[in-house]
């Protein structure tokens, strides 16, 4: 029972981060666009990331589709480790590097704790 509760807590946090982050990306607020430019990315990347984040957030919450869930979790880890590396590459403060890695840990916990019915 504790494992299932931990799974749903980490999965809800994962979904929240990716659904809200994706919605923010699609809204393209000025601070986000400045941040992407600061990291050296073209601004159109924000739309691509926003769509994939929303889709990933939906997939990890939904039932069945275990193979798609594996892809969603992998994409989340690619996104978060890429964010950490990008911030490190431009010498941003350590909190900007560590924050995505902490979220990646939550995503990995969600993946690890998932019930048998959600595994391949």
Protein backbone atom coordinates (compact mmCIF):
# COMPACT_ATOMS: atom_id res chain seq x y z
CA UNK A 1 0.00 0.00 0.00
CA UNK A 2 2.85 2.41 0.82
CA UNK A 3 4.51 1.66 -2.52
CA UNK A 4 1.29 2.42 -4.39
CA UNK A 5 0.86 5.69 -2.47
CA UNK A 6 4.47 6.66 -3.23
CA UNK A 7 3.89 5.81 -6.89
CA UNK A 8 0.83 8.04 -7.13
CA UNK A 9 2.50 10.92 -5.28
CA UNK A 10 5.58 10.85 -7.52
CA UNK A 11 3.45 10.34 -10.63
CA UNK A 12 1.13 13.23 -9.72
CA UNK A 13 4.16 15.48 -9.17
CA UNK A 14 5.67 14.34 -12.47
CA UNK A 15 2.44 14.96 -14.35
CA UNK A 16 1.98 18.35 -12.69
CA UNK A 17 5.50 19.49 -13.59
CA UNK A 18 5.18 18.39 -17.21
CA UNK A 19 1.58 19.50 -17.81
CA UNK A 20 2.13 22.92 -16.25
CA UNK A 21 5.56 23.27 -17.86
CA UNK A 22 4.14 22.33 -21.24
CA UNK A 23 1.30 24.83 -20.88
CA UNK A 24 3.81 27.52 -19.92
CA UNK A 25 5.94 26.64 -22.93
CA UNK A 26 2.95 26.94 -25.25
CA UNK A 27 2.00 30.30 -23.71
CA UNK A 28 5.53 31.55 -24.51
CA UNK A 29 5.85 34.16 -21.74
CA UNK A 30 8.64 36.69 -22.14
CA UNK A 31 10.74 35.32 -19.23
CA UNK A 32 10.73 31.86 -20.80
CA UNK A 33 11.70 33.12 -24.22
CA UNK A 34 14.56 35.14 -22.69
CA UNK A 35 15.68 32.02 -20.81
CA UNK A 36 15.76 29.92 -23.97
CA UNK A 37 17.72 32.61 -25.78
CA UNK A 38 20.13 32.79 -22.82
CA UNK A 39 20.70 29.03 -23.16
CA UNK A 40 21.36 29.41 -26.88
CA UNK A 41 18.24 27.67 -28.20
CA UNK A 42 16.05 28.97 -31.02
CA UNK A 43 12.70 30.13 -29.68
CA UNK A 44 10.67 27.70 -31.81
CA UNK A 45 12.02 24.86 -29.64
CA UNK A 46 9.67 26.04 -26.88
CA UNK A 47 6.59 24.98 -28.87
CA UNK A 48 8.05 21.55 -29.61
CA UNK A 49 8.96 21.02 -25.94
CA UNK A 50 5.55 22.27 -24.81
CA UNK A 51 3.65 19.79 -26.95
CA UNK A 52 5.82 16.84 -25.90
CA UNK A 53 5.68 17.79 -22.20
CA UNK A 54 1.88 17.88 -22.25
CA UNK A 55 1.67 14.56 -24.09
CA UNK A 56 4.13 12.99 -21.63
CA UNK A 57 2.18 14.27 -18.64
CA UNK A 58 -1.03 12.78 -20.02
CA UNK A 59 0.56 9.43 -20.86
CA UNK A 60 2.08 8.83 -17.41
CA UNK A 61 -1.32 9.41 -15.80
CA UNK A 62 -3.34 7.25 -18.15
CA UNK A 63 -3.98 3.53 -17.86
CA UNK A 64 -2.46 0.89 -20.16
CA UNK A 65 -0.04 1.79 -22.99
CA UNK A 66 3.07 0.54 -21.13
CA UNK A 67 5.42 0.97 -24.10
CA UNK A 68 4.29 4.56 -24.61
CA UNK A 69 4.82 5.19 -20.89
CA UNK A 70 8.41 3.97 -21.22
CA UNK A 71 8.97 6.46 -24.02
CA UNK A 72 7.34 9.26 -22.01
CA UNK A 73 9.52 8.59 -18.98
CA UNK A 74 12.64 8.44 -21.18
CA UNK A 75 11.70 11.73 -22.84
CA UNK A 76 11.23 13.36 -19.45
CA UNK A 77 14.67 12.25 -18.35
CA UNK A 78 16.19 13.51 -21.63
CA UNK A 79 14.43 16.86 -21.14
CA UNK A 80 15.50 17.27 -17.51
CA UNK A 81 19.10 16.14 -17.88
CA UNK A 82 19.37 18.30 -21.00
CA UNK A 83 18.08 21.28 -19.01
CA UNK A 84 20.63 20.67 -16.26
CA UNK A 85 23.46 20.33 -18.80
CA UNK A 86 22.32 23.44 -20.66
CA UNK A 87 22.34 25.52 -17.47
CA UNK A 88 25.74 24.16 -16.51
CA UNK A 89 27.11 24.93 -20.00
CA UNK A 90 26.27 28.63 -19.67
CA UNK A 91 27.55 28.79 -16.07
CA UNK A 92 24.16 29.44 -14.51
CA UNK A 93 23.93 29.28 -10.71
CA UNK A 94 24.02 25.80 -9.20
CA UNK A 95 20.31 25.86 -8.27
CA UNK A 96 19.41 26.06 -11.96
CA UNK A 97 21.48 22.93 -12.58
CA UNK A 98 20.29 20.99 -9.54
CA UNK A 99 16.53 21.73 -9.80
CA UNK A 100 15.98 19.70 -12.99
CA UNK A 101 18.06 16.86 -11.54
CA UNK A 102 15.84 16.76 -8.43
CA UNK A 103 12.77 16.61 -10.66
CA UNK A 104 14.49 13.86 -12.67
CA UNK A 105 14.83 11.92 -9.42
CA UNK A 106 11.08 12.24 -8.85
CA UNK A 107 10.42 11.06 -12.41
CA UNK A 108 12.71 8.07 -11.90
CA UNK A 109 10.93 7.24 -8.64
CA UNK A 110 7.58 7.30 -10.45
CA UNK A 111 8.97 4.96 -13.11
CA UNK A 112 10.53 2.60 -10.55
CA UNK A 113 7.45 2.46 -8.29
CA UNK A 114 4.87 1.86 -11.03
CA UNK A 115 2.61 -1.14 -10.49
CA UNK A 116 2.99 -4.32 -12.55
CA UNK A 117 -0.09 -3.35 -14.60
CA UNK A 118 1.82 -0.30 -15.88
CA UNK A 119 5.02 -2.11 -16.82
CA UNK A 120 6.05 -3.78 -20.07
